[in-house]
C-alpha atoms as a PDB file:
ATOM      1  CA  MET A   1      21.320 -95.906 125.251  1.00  0.00           C
ATOM      2  CA  GLN A   2      24.531 -95.232 127.038  1.00  0.00           C
ATOM      3  CA  THR A   3      24.979 -91.668 128.463  1.00  0.00           C
ATOM      4  CA  ILE A   4      28.360 -90.030 127.799  1.00  0.00           C
ATOM      5  CA  SER A   5      29.893 -86.850 129.312  1.00  0.00           C
ATOM      6  CA  TRP A   6      30.369 -83.655 127.405  1.00  0.00           C
ATOM      7  CA  ASP A   7      34.108 -84.250 127.659  1.00  0.00           C
ATOM      8  CA  ASP A   8      33.696 -87.664 125.870  1.00  0.00           C
ATOM      9  CA  PHE A   9      31.836 -85.996 123.111  1.00  0.00           C
ATOM     10  CA  LEU A  10      34.475 -83.312 122.714  1.00  0.00           C
ATOM     11  CA  LYS A  11      37.125 -86.028 122.158  1.00  0.00           C
ATOM     12  CA  VAL A  12      35.623 -86.935 118.840  1.00  0.00           C
ATOM     13  CA  GLU A  13      36.898 -84.601 116.114  1.00  0.00           C
ATOM     14  CA  LEU A  14      34.047 -84.209 113.639  1.00  0.00           C
ATOM     15  CA  HIS A  15      34.901 -81.873 110.680  1.00  0.00           C
ATOM     16  CA  VAL A  16      33.521 -80.926 107.389  1.00  0.00           C
ATOM     17  CA  GLY A  17      35.348 -82.138 104.404  1.00  0.00           C
ATOM     18  CA  ARG A  18      34.802 -81.924 100.577  1.00  0.00           C
ATOM     19  CA  ILE A  19      35.173 -85.119  98.580  1.00  0.00           C
ATOM     20  CA  VAL A  20      37.901 -84.546  96.007  1.00  0.00           C
ATOM     21  CA  SER A  21      38.046 -88.003  94.444  1.00  0.00           C
ATOM     22  CA  ALA A  22      35.937 -91.143  94.371  1.00  0.00           C
ATOM     23  CA  ALA A  23      36.725 -94.510  92.773  1.00  0.00           C
ATOM     24  CA  LEU A  24      35.460 -98.124  93.104  1.00  0.00           C
ATOM     25  CA  PHE A  25      37.212-100.268  95.642  1.00  0.00           C
ATOM     26  CA  PRO A  26      37.279-103.628  93.816  1.00  0.00           C
ATOM     27  CA  GLU A  27      39.121-105.336  96.639  1.00  0.00           C
ATOM     28  CA  ALA A  28      36.542-104.578  99.290  1.00  0.00           C
ATOM     29  CA  LYS A  29      34.528-107.513 100.739  1.00  0.00           C
ATOM     30  CA  LYS A  30      31.385-105.450 100.451  1.00  0.00           C
ATOM     31  CA  PRO A  31      30.802-102.861  97.663  1.00  0.00           C
ATOM     32  CA  ALA A  32      32.629 -99.672  98.589  1.00  0.00           C
ATOM     33  CA  TYR A  33      34.370 -96.558  97.221  1.00  0.00           C
ATOM     34  CA  MET A  34      37.819 -95.251  97.972  1.00  0.00           C
ATOM     35  CA  LEU A  35      37.456 -91.602  98.706  1.00  0.00           C
ATOM     36  CA  GLN A  36      39.841 -88.697  99.141  1.00  0.00           C
ATOM     37  CA  VAL A  37      38.410 -85.925 101.400  1.00  0.00           C
ATOM     38  CA  ASP A  38      39.871 -82.452 101.822  1.00  0.00           C
ATOM     39  CA  PHE A  39      39.423 -81.366 105.423  1.00  0.00           C
ATOM     40  CA  GLY A  40      41.033 -77.943 104.993  1.00  0.00           C
ATOM     41  CA  ARG A  41      44.529 -76.468 105.468  1.00  0.00           C
ATOM     42  CA  ASP A  42      45.092 -77.751 109.010  1.00  0.00           C
ATOM     43  CA  ILE A  43      43.978 -81.387 108.603  1.00  0.00           C
ATOM     44  CA  GLY A  44      44.602 -81.924 104.771  1.00  0.00           C
ATOM     45  CA  ILE A  45      43.377 -84.652 102.508  1.00  0.00           C
ATOM     46  CA  ARG A  46      42.360 -88.010 104.147  1.00  0.00           C
ATOM     47  CA  LYS A  47      41.520 -91.271 102.544  1.00  0.00           C
ATOM     48  CA  SER A  48      38.379 -93.166 103.423  1.00  0.00           C
ATOM     49  CA  SER A  49      36.607 -96.325 102.390  1.00  0.00           C
ATOM     50  CA  ALA A  50      32.900 -95.917 102.370  1.00  0.00           C
ATOM     51  CA  GLN A  51      30.121 -98.531 101.808  1.00  0.00           C
ATOM     52  CA  ILE A  52      27.808 -96.023 100.083  1.00  0.00           C
ATOM     53  CA  THR A  53      27.516 -97.508  96.543  1.00  0.00           C
ATOM     54  CA  ASP A  54      23.730 -98.087  96.806  1.00  0.00           C
ATOM     55  CA  LEU A  55      22.841 -94.517  96.979  1.00  0.00           C
ATOM     56  CA  TYR A  56      25.835 -92.603  95.299  1.00  0.00           C
ATOM     57  CA  LYS A  57      27.843 -92.771  92.094  1.00  0.00           C
ATOM     58  CA  PRO A  58      31.523 -91.633  92.155  1.00  0.00           C
ATOM     59  CA  GLU A  59      30.818 -88.680  89.912  1.00  0.00           C
ATOM     60  CA  ASP A  60      28.126 -87.463  92.209  1.00  0.00           C
ATOM     61  CA  LEU A  61      30.315 -87.565  95.219  1.00  0.00           C
ATOM     62  CA  VAL A  62      33.134 -85.355  93.907  1.00  0.00           C
ATOM     63  CA  GLY A  63      32.619 -81.830  95.423  1.00  0.00           C
ATOM     64  CA  LYS A  64      30.052 -83.100  98.013  1.00  0.00           C
ATOM     65  CA  LEU A  65      30.451 -81.760 101.614  1.00  0.00           C
ATOM     66  CA  VAL A  66      30.541 -84.508 104.235  1.00  0.00           C
ATOM     67  CA  VAL A  67      31.039 -84.831 107.991  1.00  0.00           C
ATOM     68  CA  GLY A  68      33.906 -87.114 109.063  1.00  0.00           C
ATOM     69  CA  ALA A  69      35.715 -88.082 112.245  1.00  0.00           C
ATOM     70  CA  VAL A  70      39.347 -87.474 111.711  1.00  0.00           C
ATOM     71  CA  ASN A  71      41.001 -88.532 114.975  1.00  0.00           C
ATOM     72  CA  PHE A  72      40.294 -92.260 114.922  1.00  0.00           C
ATOM     73  CA  PRO A  73      43.395 -94.514 114.260  1.00  0.00           C
ATOM     74  CA  ASN A  74      43.972 -95.482 110.662  1.00  0.00           C
ATOM     75  CA  LYS A  75      42.292 -98.801 109.631  1.00  0.00           C
ATOM     76  CA  GLN A  76      43.626-101.229 107.176  1.00  0.00           C
ATOM     77  CA  ILE A  77      40.945-102.432 104.798  1.00  0.00           C
ATOM     78  CA  GLY A  78      42.504-104.905 102.408  1.00  0.00           C
ATOM     79  CA  PRO A  79      45.192-103.073 100.512  1.00  0.00           C
ATOM     80  CA  PHE A  80      43.730 -99.636 101.471  1.00  0.00           C
ATOM     81  CA  ILE A  81      44.471 -97.595 104.680  1.00  0.00           C
ATOM     82  CA  SER A  82      41.384 -95.619 105.719  1.00  0.00           C
ATOM     83  CA  GLU A  83      42.403 -92.370 107.514  1.00  0.00           C
ATOM     84  CA  CYS A  84      39.001 -91.001 108.627  1.00  0.00           C
ATOM     85  CA  LEU A  85      35.446 -92.199 109.123  1.00  0.00           C
ATOM     86  CA  LEU A  86      32.593 -90.503 107.180  1.00  0.00           C
ATOM     87  CA  THR A  87      29.295 -90.236 109.026  1.00  0.00           C
ATOM     88  CA  GLY A  88      25.949 -91.465 107.673  1.00  0.00           C
ATOM     89  CA  PHE A  89      22.739 -93.070 108.516  1.00  0.00           C
ATOM     90  CA  HIS A  90      21.115 -96.425 107.423  1.00  0.00           C
ATOM     91  CA  ASN A  91      17.724 -95.923 105.773  1.00  0.00           C
ATOM     92  CA  ASP A  92      14.866 -98.421 105.996  1.00  0.00           C
ATOM     93  CA  SER A  93      16.478-100.440 103.232  1.00  0.00           C
ATOM     94  CA  GLY A  94      19.848-100.602 104.941  1.00  0.00           C
ATOM     95  CA  GLU A  95      21.464 -98.229 102.536  1.00  0.00           C
ATOM     96  CA  VAL A  96      23.745 -95.548 103.898  1.00  0.00           C
ATOM     97  CA  ALA A  97      22.903 -91.860 103.450  1.00  0.00           C
ATOM     98  CA  LEU A  98      25.778 -89.585 104.145  1.00  0.00           C
ATOM     99  CA  CYS A  99      25.545 -86.956 106.998  1.00  0.00           C
ATOM    100  CA  VAL A 100      26.044 -83.600 105.105  1.00  0.00           C
ATOM    101  CA  PRO A 101      25.801 -79.918 105.945  1.00  0.00           C
ATOM    102  CA  ASP A 102      22.637 -78.425 104.448  1.00  0.00           C
ATOM    103  CA  LYS A 103      24.393 -75.034 103.775  1.00  0.00           C
ATOM    104  CA  PRO A 104      27.947 -74.276 102.489  1.00  0.00           C
ATOM    105  CA  VAL A 105      30.620 -74.665 105.241  1.00  0.00           C
ATOM    106  CA  ALA A 106      34.374 -74.400 104.799  1.00  0.00           C
ATOM    107  CA  PRO A 107      36.253 -77.669 104.788  1.00  0.00           C
ATOM    108  CA  GLY A 108      37.959 -78.175 108.174  1.00  0.00           C
ATOM    109  CA  THR A 109      35.180 -76.527 110.178  1.00  0.00           C
ATOM    110  CA  LYS A 110      34.681 -78.451 113.336  1.00  0.00           C
ATOM    111  CA  LEU A 111      31.261 -79.634 114.526  1.00  0.00           C
ATOM    112  CA  LEU A 112      30.278 -77.968 117.734  1.00  0.00           C
END
């Protein structure tokens, strides 16, 4: 494991967002959803592609709080531009479980 400095960690802008829409991403090479995530007034709504179809249905995602990195460069994924990276963990089966706050937190709140 590589050690990083506190200053390196502070460069990553991890914020809470609320998923406002979720749809299948049929052009993706691996099954994925196209998400719109509201990161609050200062950051706004960002788009993200997420390979989380094994554990989540689109209707279960809308309204869910998530943690996302909002200061990575945009990434072109087929015809879609992903503007943030949602965080998650692979389980023993290789499925991705989203990293989520366990209590209500306002969208836009920064991870400290």
